[in-house]
Protein backbone atom coordinates (compact mmCIF):
# COMPACT_ATOMS: atom_id res chain seq x y z
CA MET A 1 61.32 50.42 118.19
CA SER A 2 59.32 47.84 120.20
CA LYS A 3 58.49 49.09 123.72
CA ALA A 4 59.28 52.70 122.80
CA ALA A 5 56.30 52.41 120.46
CA ILE A 6 53.85 52.59 123.37
CA GLU A 7 55.59 55.19 125.52
CA GLY A 8 53.21 57.96 126.51
CA LEU A 9 50.15 56.25 125.05
CA GLU A 10 46.86 56.21 126.95
CA PRO A 11 45.28 54.26 128.44
CA LYS A 12 48.65 53.23 129.76
CA LEU A 13 47.48 49.97 131.35
CA VAL A 14 45.91 48.71 128.12
CA TRP A 15 49.03 49.45 126.07
CA GLU A 16 51.33 47.82 128.62
CA TYR A 17 49.27 44.65 128.62
CA PHE A 18 49.10 44.68 124.83
CA TYR A 19 52.86 45.14 124.56
CA GLY A 20 53.35 42.21 126.93
CA ILE A 21 51.20 40.02 124.68
CA THR A 22 53.19 41.01 121.57
CA GLN A 23 56.38 39.84 123.29
CA VAL A 24 55.05 36.33 123.89
CA PRO A 25 54.84 34.01 120.85
CA HIS A 26 51.24 32.83 120.40
CA PRO A 27 50.57 31.16 117.06
CA SER A 28 47.31 29.28 116.69
CA LYS A 29 47.60 25.74 118.07
CA LYS A 30 50.85 26.72 119.82
CA GLU A 31 49.51 28.80 122.71
CA GLU A 32 51.59 27.23 125.50
CA LYS A 33 53.65 30.37 126.10
CA ILE A 34 50.75 32.81 126.01
CA ARG A 35 48.70 30.52 128.28
CA ALA A 36 51.56 30.65 130.78
CA HIS A 37 51.53 34.44 130.41
CA VAL A 38 47.79 34.54 131.20
CA ARG A 39 48.22 32.23 134.18
CA GLU A 40 50.99 34.46 135.50
CA PHE A 41 48.72 37.50 135.13
CA ALA A 42 46.03 35.76 137.19
CA THR A 43 48.42 34.49 139.84
CA SER A 44 50.25 37.79 140.29
CA ASN A 45 46.92 39.55 140.86
CA ASN A 46 45.55 36.83 143.19
CA PHE A 47 42.72 35.97 140.78
CA GLU A 48 41.32 32.46 140.71
CA PHE A 49 41.39 30.80 137.31
CA VAL A 50 40.31 27.54 135.69
CA GLU A 51 41.88 25.93 132.62
CA ASP A 52 40.20 23.23 130.58
CA GLU A 53 41.76 20.30 128.74
CA VAL A 54 42.26 22.21 125.46
CA GLY A 55 43.81 25.29 127.07
CA ASN A 56 40.92 27.75 127.42
CA ILE A 57 41.30 29.82 130.59
CA VAL A 58 38.65 31.68 132.58
CA ILE A 59 39.86 34.13 135.23
CA LYS A 60 37.48 34.99 138.07
CA VAL A 61 37.78 38.67 138.97
CA PRO A 62 36.04 39.77 142.21
CA ALA A 63 33.58 42.64 142.04
CA THR A 64 34.40 46.18 143.03
CA SER A 65 33.60 46.51 146.74
CA GLY A 66 29.88 47.04 147.22
CA TYR A 67 28.88 45.45 143.89
CA GLU A 68 29.30 41.78 144.77
CA ASN A 69 25.64 41.07 143.96
CA ALA A 70 25.72 42.66 140.52
CA PRO A 71 25.32 40.33 137.52
CA THR A 72 28.47 38.54 136.38
CA ILE A 73 29.78 39.78 133.05
CA VAL A 74 32.01 37.69 130.80
CA ILE A 75 34.74 39.55 128.89
CA GLN A 76 35.96 37.33 126.10
CA GLY A 77 38.82 37.31 123.60
CA HIS A 78 41.08 34.75 121.94
CA ILE A 79 44.78 34.46 122.75
CA ASP A 80 46.06 33.04 119.45
CA MET A 81 47.07 35.12 116.44
CA VAL A 82 47.40 34.76 112.68
CA CYS A 83 51.08 34.41 111.78
CA GLU A 84 51.77 36.01 108.40
CA LYS A 85 55.00 37.66 107.28
CA ASN A 86 56.33 39.27 104.15
CA LYS A 87 58.62 37.17 102.03
CA GLY A 88 62.18 37.82 103.15
CA THR A 89 61.20 38.84 106.69
CA ASP A 90 63.37 37.04 109.23
CA HIS A 91 60.93 36.16 112.00
CA ASP A 92 60.23 32.91 113.87
CA PHE A 93 56.64 33.11 115.17
CA ASP A 94 57.24 30.16 117.50
CA ASN A 95 60.05 31.90 119.38
CA ASP A 96 60.52 35.57 118.47
CA PRO A 97 58.73 38.56 120.01
CA LEU A 98 57.00 40.86 117.57
CA LYS A 99 58.83 44.05 116.60
CA ILE A 100 56.21 46.76 116.96
CA TYR A 101 56.52 50.43 116.12
CA ARG A 102 54.42 53.58 116.01
CA ASP A 103 53.50 55.11 112.67
CA GLY A 104 51.57 58.30 113.30
CA ASP A 105 48.24 57.31 114.86
CA TRP A 106 48.90 53.61 114.34
CA ILE A 107 50.76 50.74 115.98
CA THR A 108 52.05 48.12 113.56
CA ALA A 109 54.77 45.45 113.29
CA GLU A 110 57.89 45.08 111.15
CA GLY A 111 57.04 42.75 108.27
CA THR A 112 54.59 40.59 110.23
CA THR A 113 51.06 40.50 111.52
CA LEU A 114 50.61 42.53 114.71
CA GLY A 115 48.25 40.25 116.60
CA ALA A 116 45.97 43.14 117.57
CA ASP A 117 43.39 40.58 116.45
CA ASN A 118 42.74 39.72 119.27
CA GLY A 119 45.58 40.80 121.55
CA ILE A 120 44.05 44.22 122.12
CA GLY A 121 40.79 42.67 123.29
CA VAL A 122 42.60 40.41 125.75
CA ALA A 123 44.68 43.38 126.94
CA ALA A 124 41.52 45.42 127.55
CA GLY A 125 40.10 42.58 129.64
CA MET A 126 43.27 42.44 131.72
CA ALA A 127 43.16 46.21 132.15
CA VAL A 128 39.58 46.42 133.45
CA ALA A 129 40.37 43.61 135.88
CA THR A 130 43.24 45.58 137.45
CA ASP A 131 42.28 49.20 136.85
CA PRO A 132 41.16 50.79 140.15
CA SER A 133 39.16 53.39 138.21
CA VAL A 134 36.79 50.72 136.81
CA THR A 135 33.59 49.89 138.68
CA HIS A 136 32.26 46.43 137.94
CA GLY A 137 30.46 43.43 139.34
CA PRO A 138 31.99 39.94 139.22
CA LEU A 139 33.91 39.41 135.99
CA GLU A 140 34.94 36.30 134.12
CA LEU A 141 37.82 36.87 131.69
CA LEU A 142 37.39 34.12 129.13
CA CYS A 143 40.57 33.56 127.09
CA THR A 144 40.03 31.04 124.30
CA VAL A 145 42.59 29.25 122.15
CA ASP A 146 42.81 28.44 118.45
CA GLU A 147 40.17 30.86 117.20
CA GLU A 148 41.99 31.58 113.97
CA THR A 149 42.29 28.01 112.65
CA GLY A 150 38.84 26.60 113.32
CA MET A 151 37.59 27.91 116.68
CA THR A 152 38.43 24.58 118.26
CA GLY A 153 38.96 26.24 121.65
CA VAL A 154 35.50 27.74 122.01
CA ASN A 155 34.01 24.64 120.41
CA ALA A 156 35.42 22.55 123.27
CA LEU A 157 33.91 24.67 126.07
CA LYS A 158 31.88 22.69 128.56
CA PRO A 159 28.71 23.69 130.41
CA GLY A 160 29.53 25.62 133.56
CA PHE A 161 32.97 26.77 132.44
CA ILE A 162 31.54 30.29 132.51
CA THR A 163 28.57 31.31 134.64
CA GLY A 164 27.84 34.83 133.41
CA LYS A 165 24.74 35.39 131.30
CA THR A 166 26.07 38.58 129.69
CA LEU A 167 29.13 38.65 127.45
CA LEU A 168 31.30 41.33 125.86
CA ASN A 169 33.23 39.87 122.95
CA LEU A 170 36.14 42.25 122.25
CA ASP A 171 37.10 40.79 118.88
CA SER A 172 35.67 43.29 116.40
CA GLU A 173 37.73 45.77 114.43
CA GLU A 174 35.66 48.88 113.69
CA ASP A 175 35.37 51.93 115.94
CA GLY A 176 31.80 53.11 116.41
CA ALA A 177 30.11 49.80 115.65
CA PHE A 178 28.42 47.14 117.75
CA TYR A 179 28.22 43.75 116.10
CA VAL A 180 25.19 41.63 116.86
CA GLY A 181 25.49 38.86 114.27
CA CYS A 182 28.10 36.95 112.29
CA SER A 183 28.44 34.35 109.57
CA GLY A 184 29.10 30.69 110.10
CA GLY A 185 31.88 28.96 108.22
CA GLN A 186 33.50 25.72 107.17
CA ASP A 187 36.42 24.41 105.10
CA THR A 188 36.42 22.28 101.95
CA ARG A 189 39.64 20.64 100.73
CA GLY A 190 40.40 18.70 97.57
CA TYR A 191 43.14 16.07 97.41
CA PHE A 192 44.67 15.20 94.03
CA GLU A 193 47.13 12.36 93.48
CA LEU A 194 50.28 13.73 91.87
CA GLU A 195 51.31 12.23 88.54
CA TYR A 196 55.03 12.49 87.70
CA VAL A 197 57.23 11.80 84.69
CA ASP A 198 60.92 12.39 83.99
CA SER A 199 61.66 15.96 83.01
CA ASP A 200 62.88 16.95 79.56
CA SER A 201 66.64 17.38 79.93
CA SER A 202 66.63 20.25 77.44
CA LEU A 203 64.43 22.38 79.69
CA VAL A 204 65.72 24.63 82.47
CA PRO A 205 63.87 25.19 85.80
CA TYR A 206 62.82 28.69 86.85
CA GLU A 207 61.08 29.96 89.93
CA LEU A 208 57.94 31.83 88.83
CA MET A 209 56.44 33.81 91.71
CA LEU A 210 53.48 36.14 92.04
CA THR A 211 53.84 38.59 94.92
CA GLY A 212 53.01 42.13 96.06
CA LEU A 213 49.28 41.62 96.65
CA LYS A 214 47.43 42.85 99.73
CA GLY A 215 45.77 39.61 100.82
CA GLY A 216 43.72 40.15 103.94
CA HIS A 217 40.89 38.53 105.86
CA SER A 218 38.83 36.21 103.68
CA GLY A 219 35.59 37.48 105.18
CA LEU A 220 36.19 41.10 106.10
CA ASP A 221 38.12 41.91 102.90
CA VAL A 222 36.19 39.79 100.41
CA ALA A 223 34.16 42.82 99.31
CA ASN A 224 37.23 45.06 98.97
CA GLY A 225 38.20 43.90 95.50
CA ARG A 226 41.43 42.16 96.51
CA ALA A 227 43.22 39.91 94.01
CA ASN A 228 43.80 36.22 94.74
CA ALA A 229 47.38 35.10 94.05
CA ILE A 230 46.38 31.48 93.37
CA ARG A 231 43.68 32.42 90.89
CA LEU A 232 46.05 34.84 89.14
CA LEU A 233 48.72 32.12 88.95
CA ALA A 234 46.25 29.83 87.19
CA GLN A 235 45.33 32.60 84.76
CA LEU A 236 49.00 33.31 84.02
CA LEU A 237 49.83 29.63 83.49
CA ASN A 238 46.82 29.37 81.18
CA ARG A 239 48.28 32.16 79.05
CA ILE A 240 51.77 30.66 79.05
CA GLU A 241 50.36 27.24 78.13
CA ALA A 242 48.81 28.70 74.97
CA GLU A 243 52.16 30.00 73.69
CA VAL A 244 55.09 28.17 75.29
CA GLU A 245 55.92 24.53 75.95
CA PHE A 246 56.67 24.08 79.65
CA GLU A 247 56.69 21.61 82.53
CA LEU A 248 55.87 22.12 86.22
CA ALA A 249 57.65 20.54 89.18
CA GLU A 250 56.39 22.43 92.25
CA ILE A 251 53.45 24.66 93.16
CA SER A 252 52.39 26.48 96.32
CA GLY A 253 50.29 29.44 97.31
CA GLY A 254 48.59 31.02 100.30
CA SER A 255 49.19 29.98 103.87
CA LEU A 256 45.96 30.21 105.86
CA ARG A 257 42.38 29.05 105.33
CA ASN A 258 40.98 32.40 106.41
CA ALA A 259 43.30 34.69 104.46
CA ILE A 260 43.13 35.78 100.83
CA PRO A 261 46.41 34.48 99.35
CA ARG A 262 48.98 37.21 98.73
CA GLU A 263 51.66 35.09 97.06
CA SER A 264 51.94 31.97 94.93
CA GLU A 265 54.76 30.27 93.07
CA VAL A 266 55.68 27.37 90.82
CA THR A 267 58.81 25.77 89.46
CA ILE A 268 58.40 26.03 85.70
CA LEU A 269 60.77 24.31 83.25
CA ILE A 270 61.18 26.04 79.90
CA ASN A 271 63.61 26.22 77.03
CA PRO A 272 66.00 29.10 77.79
CA THR A 273 65.17 30.51 74.38
CA ASP A 274 61.60 31.03 75.61
CA GLU A 275 62.59 33.05 78.67
CA ASP A 276 62.02 36.39 76.98
CA LYS A 277 58.64 35.19 75.70
CA VAL A 278 57.55 34.17 79.19
CA ARG A 279 58.65 37.55 80.55
CA GLU A 280 56.70 39.26 77.78
CA ILE A 281 53.58 37.25 78.68
CA ALA A 282 54.06 38.09 82.36
CA ASP A 283 54.41 41.82 81.67
CA LYS A 284 51.27 41.81 79.52
CA PHE A 285 49.46 39.85 82.23
CA ILE A 286 50.36 42.47 84.86
CA ALA A 287 49.11 45.24 82.60
CA ASP A 288 45.83 43.43 81.96
CA THR A 289 45.39 42.56 85.63
CA LEU A 290 45.77 46.20 86.60
CA LEU A 291 42.64 46.93 84.58
CA GLU A 292 40.77 44.83 87.16
CA PHE A 293 42.68 45.67 90.34
CA ASN A 294 44.33 49.05 89.80
CA VAL A 295 42.19 50.72 92.45
CA ASN A 296 41.98 48.01 95.10
CA ASP A 297 45.10 45.88 94.70
CA PRO A 298 47.64 47.40 92.28
CA GLY A 299 50.86 45.89 93.61
CA LEU A 300 51.15 42.65 91.59
CA GLU A 301 54.74 41.66 90.78
CA ILE A 302 55.85 38.61 88.82
CA VAL A 303 59.36 37.31 89.44
CA LEU A 304 61.07 34.83 87.12
CA ASN A 305 64.46 33.55 88.32
CA LYS A 306 66.56 30.69 87.00
CA LYS A 307 67.10 27.94 89.60
CA ASP A 308 70.45 26.42 90.41
CA SER A 309 69.31 22.80 90.63
CA ASN A 310 67.55 20.67 88.05
CA ASP A 311 64.21 18.99 88.78
CA GLU A 312 64.31 15.38 87.59
CA LYS A 313 60.59 14.73 88.09
CA VAL A 314 57.77 16.93 86.81
CA PHE A 315 53.98 16.73 86.72
CA THR A 316 52.46 15.06 83.68
CA LYS A 317 51.15 17.42 81.02
CA GLU A 318 47.62 16.09 81.55
CA PHE A 319 47.84 16.77 85.28
CA VAL A 320 49.05 20.35 84.71
CA THR A 321 46.30 21.12 82.20
CA ASN A 322 43.66 19.67 84.51
CA LEU A 323 45.05 21.56 87.53
CA ILE A 324 44.89 24.87 85.69
CA LYS A 325 41.26 24.18 84.76
CA VAL A 326 40.37 23.34 88.36
CA LEU A 327 41.99 26.52 89.69
CA LEU A 328 40.22 28.59 87.04
CA SER A 329 36.86 26.99 87.84
CA VAL A 330 36.68 26.66 91.61
CA PRO A 331 34.42 29.42 93.01
CA HIS A 332 36.09 32.33 94.77
CA GLY A 333 34.68 35.55 96.18
CA ILE A 334 31.17 36.81 96.86
CA SER A 335 28.30 34.46 96.14
CA ALA A 336 25.43 36.53 97.58
CA MET A 337 24.80 39.84 99.34
CA SER A 338 22.44 40.21 102.28
CA PRO A 339 18.93 41.28 101.26
CA ASP A 340 18.37 42.74 104.75
CA ILE A 341 21.54 44.69 105.59
CA PRO A 342 22.87 46.99 102.83
CA GLY A 343 26.49 46.34 101.95
CA LEU A 344 26.78 43.10 103.96
CA VAL A 345 28.16 40.03 102.22
CA GLU A 346 25.89 37.10 103.02
CA THR A 347 27.75 34.20 101.38
CA SER A 348 31.27 33.83 100.02
CA THR A 349 34.05 31.34 99.41
CA ASN A 350 37.83 31.71 99.49
CA LEU A 351 40.36 29.84 97.35
CA ALA A 352 42.90 29.88 100.15
CA THR A 353 45.85 27.51 99.77
CA ILE A 354 47.58 25.09 97.45
CA ASP A 355 50.33 22.79 98.73
CA ILE A 356 52.02 19.48 98.07
CA ILE A 357 51.62 17.20 101.08
CA ASP A 358 52.63 13.52 101.16
CA ASN A 359 52.65 13.17 97.36
CA GLN A 360 49.23 14.80 97.09
CA LEU A 361 48.32 18.22 95.83
CA VAL A 362 45.92 19.76 98.34
CA ILE A 363 43.71 22.74 97.51
CA GLY A 364 42.19 24.41 100.56
CA THR A 365 39.10 26.61 100.52
CA SER A 366 36.82 28.15 103.14
CA GLN A 367 33.15 29.11 102.95
CA ARG A 368 31.18 31.66 104.97
CA SER A 369 27.48 32.46 105.23
CA ALA A 370 24.97 33.80 107.71
CA ILE A 371 22.61 31.10 106.40
CA ASP A 372 23.58 27.48 106.96
CA SER A 373 21.89 26.19 103.79
CA ALA A 374 23.75 28.76 101.67
CA LYS A 375 27.03 27.79 103.33
CA TRP A 376 26.47 24.15 102.40
CA HIS A 377 25.39 25.10 98.88
CA ILE A 378 28.58 27.01 98.08
CA SER A 379 30.65 24.25 99.70
CA ASN A 380 28.96 21.69 97.46
CA MET A 381 29.79 23.84 94.42
CA VAL A 382 33.47 23.74 95.42
CA LYS A 383 33.25 20.01 96.06
CA ALA A 384 31.67 19.42 92.65
CA VAL A 385 34.50 21.27 90.87
CA PHE A 386 37.09 19.22 92.74
CA GLU A 387 35.33 15.96 91.90
CA LEU A 388 34.88 16.89 88.24
CA GLY A 389 38.60 17.74 88.24
CA GLY A 390 39.47 14.23 89.40
CA ALA A 391 40.10 14.75 93.10
CA GLU A 392 40.80 11.48 94.86
CA LYS A 393 39.15 12.81 98.01
CA VAL A 394 37.21 15.88 99.11
CA ASP A 395 36.69 16.56 102.80
CA THR A 396 34.39 19.14 104.35
CA GLY A 397 34.77 20.21 107.95
CA ASP A 398 31.88 20.40 110.38
CA GLY A 399 32.26 24.16 110.48
CA TYR A 400 30.76 26.51 113.04
CA PRO A 401 27.38 28.21 113.39
CA GLY A 402 26.47 31.80 112.73
CA TRP A 403 25.12 34.22 115.33
CA GLN A 404 21.62 35.47 114.73
CA PRO A 405 21.02 39.11 115.78
CA ASN A 406 18.82 39.85 118.82
CA MET A 407 17.71 43.43 118.37
CA ASP A 408 15.79 43.25 121.69
CA SER A 409 18.97 42.55 123.66
CA GLU A 410 19.15 44.37 127.02
CA LEU A 411 22.94 44.55 126.71
CA LEU A 412 22.63 46.12 123.27
CA LYS A 413 20.15 48.68 124.58
CA ILE A 414 22.47 49.68 127.44
CA SER A 415 25.53 49.77 125.18
CA LYS A 416 23.80 52.04 122.65
CA GLU A 417 22.77 54.44 125.42
CA VAL A 418 26.29 54.55 126.83
CA TYR A 419 27.86 55.06 123.43
CA LYS A 420 25.55 57.97 122.63
CA GLU A 421 26.29 59.65 125.97
CA LEU A 422 30.05 59.32 125.44
CA ASN A 423 30.17 60.34 121.79
CA ASN A 424 27.03 62.38 121.15
CA SER A 425 26.24 60.13 118.19
CA GLU A 426 24.57 56.81 117.50
CA PRO A 427 26.69 53.68 117.05
CA GLU A 428 26.27 51.53 113.97
CA ILE A 429 24.56 48.21 114.62
CA LYS A 430 26.04 45.65 112.29
CA ALA A 431 26.55 42.04 111.44
CA ILE A 432 29.90 40.80 110.15
CA HIS A 433 30.84 38.48 107.30
CA ALA A 434 33.32 36.60 109.43
CA GLY A 435 33.21 33.94 112.08
CA LEU A 436 33.06 35.19 115.63
CA GLU A 437 33.25 32.95 118.63
CA THR A 438 29.89 34.38 119.66
CA GLY A 439 28.22 31.98 117.22
CA LEU A 440 29.55 28.96 119.11
CA LEU A 441 29.18 30.65 122.50
CA GLY A 442 25.49 31.19 121.78
CA ALA A 443 25.12 27.51 120.89
CA LYS A 444 27.07 26.40 123.97
CA TYR A 445 25.29 28.71 126.40
CA PRO A 446 21.72 29.23 125.16
CA GLY A 447 20.19 32.54 126.17
CA ILE A 448 23.47 34.35 126.80
CA ASP A 449 23.21 38.06 125.92
CA MET A 450 26.15 39.20 123.77
CA ILE A 451 27.58 42.03 121.73
CA SER A 452 30.95 42.36 119.98
CA PHE A 453 32.99 45.52 119.53
CA GLY A 454 36.57 46.76 119.41
CA PRO A 455 38.92 49.51 118.18
CA THR A 456 39.82 50.10 114.55
CA ILE A 457 42.17 47.46 113.17
CA GLU A 458 43.17 47.52 109.51
CA GLY A 459 44.80 44.75 107.50
CA ALA A 460 44.03 41.95 109.95
CA HIS A 461 45.56 38.59 108.97
CA SER A 462 48.23 40.29 106.84
CA PRO A 463 51.62 41.94 107.53
CA ASP A 464 49.85 45.26 106.92
CA GLU A 465 47.84 44.84 110.15
CA ARG A 466 47.75 48.01 112.23
CA LEU A 467 45.91 49.23 115.33
CA ASN A 468 44.55 52.75 115.62
CA ILE A 469 45.76 54.58 118.75
CA PRO A 470 42.92 57.11 119.25
CA ALA A 471 40.30 54.41 118.60
CA THR A 472 41.90 52.21 121.26
CA ALA A 473 41.48 54.93 123.90
CA LYS A 474 37.86 55.41 122.83
CA PHE A 475 37.27 51.65 122.94
CA TYR A 476 38.58 51.26 126.48
CA LYS A 477 36.51 54.20 127.70
CA LEU A 478 33.45 52.50 126.23
CA VAL A 479 34.22 49.16 127.91
CA LYS A 480 34.57 50.90 131.27
CA ALA A 481 31.32 52.84 130.83
CA ILE A 482 29.30 49.78 129.79
CA LEU A 483 30.57 47.87 132.81
CA LEU A 484 29.66 50.78 135.10
CA ARG A 485 26.15 51.17 133.67
CA TYR A 486 25.43 47.45 133.68
CA THR A 487 26.74 47.07 137.22
CA LYS A 488 24.67 49.91 138.63
């Protein structure tokens, strides 16, 4: 459907800018094309802009006539997107436009992530800059790169790149909520030297794949009871190991540090006479797993297909047994809930990826917490499991800071008043168990007054991602009204 998906939608300007963003490839760390798109937007509207050495762009938007002396407001969003697709979907994120379509009150994409995180925030910023119905003081549209794979863009910002002391971060995903705090995060990876032997010539290789799970954002969805495809793979292999002789030649799972893995697979070598037994174990495993995940993640499928080619080298039996133990032991999921905010996850860790890279097996995890000491504690737990499991190396990234709530914020006060006037109800004031760039922005620009909000987005970081149409109209109306109130 693509552009027909947005025909007739309001606010028209927002949807047109969002559609334009979906048609420009913008994977994390490969933002050259979307940066050119942003530069073209600035140039075509005669806006000054500055670009730093890593690719962040700030566009200077003059004030509405008569409001030149109003405080400068920064409107901020990131221009990269998570690139996830369903297995079998033919899409090249480096070159292909997204295929978007309308499904009732939602906009989504065919078999891929939609990039509403954070394309709709960037589109809203472009819209207020060019919408003659919006009254505002001087604006700075801050477009950051590489938010999704480590926030390296915002982390590279230099003093003076933005001058505004008030910032609207448009990278939240829940209608009716203002976010005033977020967790910090970091990554912990274990590197294991692969140990190979010649395969048993009597065994036949099969592809064993776990698929059909929801996945999702490792912070936002960690409390939603989603299954982890890598953990389930380890549990399944543990069952098979108890009943069937097998060898392993390949293993992979997950794709992103900040996504719950939806799929995992191995090459398993078995005696053809054991194929029915393995299928029986797999069927029983699905049935047992449904007892845990029937409500929240019931779609598990296990595929076992004979491979055409033989694998001459396989992992040693000792390596396989040890790997299964590591994957069963490494922490995953919620570690602690907030004692202050009901329902808020305070600390968690995600078993995110497993890959073979340069003759090493690499297990990737990510940790989140609103409290730095808790973040380091859970990271050290992961590190300890890796080291006990014989990892040759464990590396831990520097991570990024959390954002501590300021309940006395003038911007928050104004935004709450505006929201109540527009909707005749109070907004929710929340913190989020995910990394927002506001954490680093607060560290880079001490004293800056910030809130984060956005329209309803479901399934972010997965091919199920979808953007709510009515919530988007409500969101843009709120942005306009906050700008008007703050300006006057």
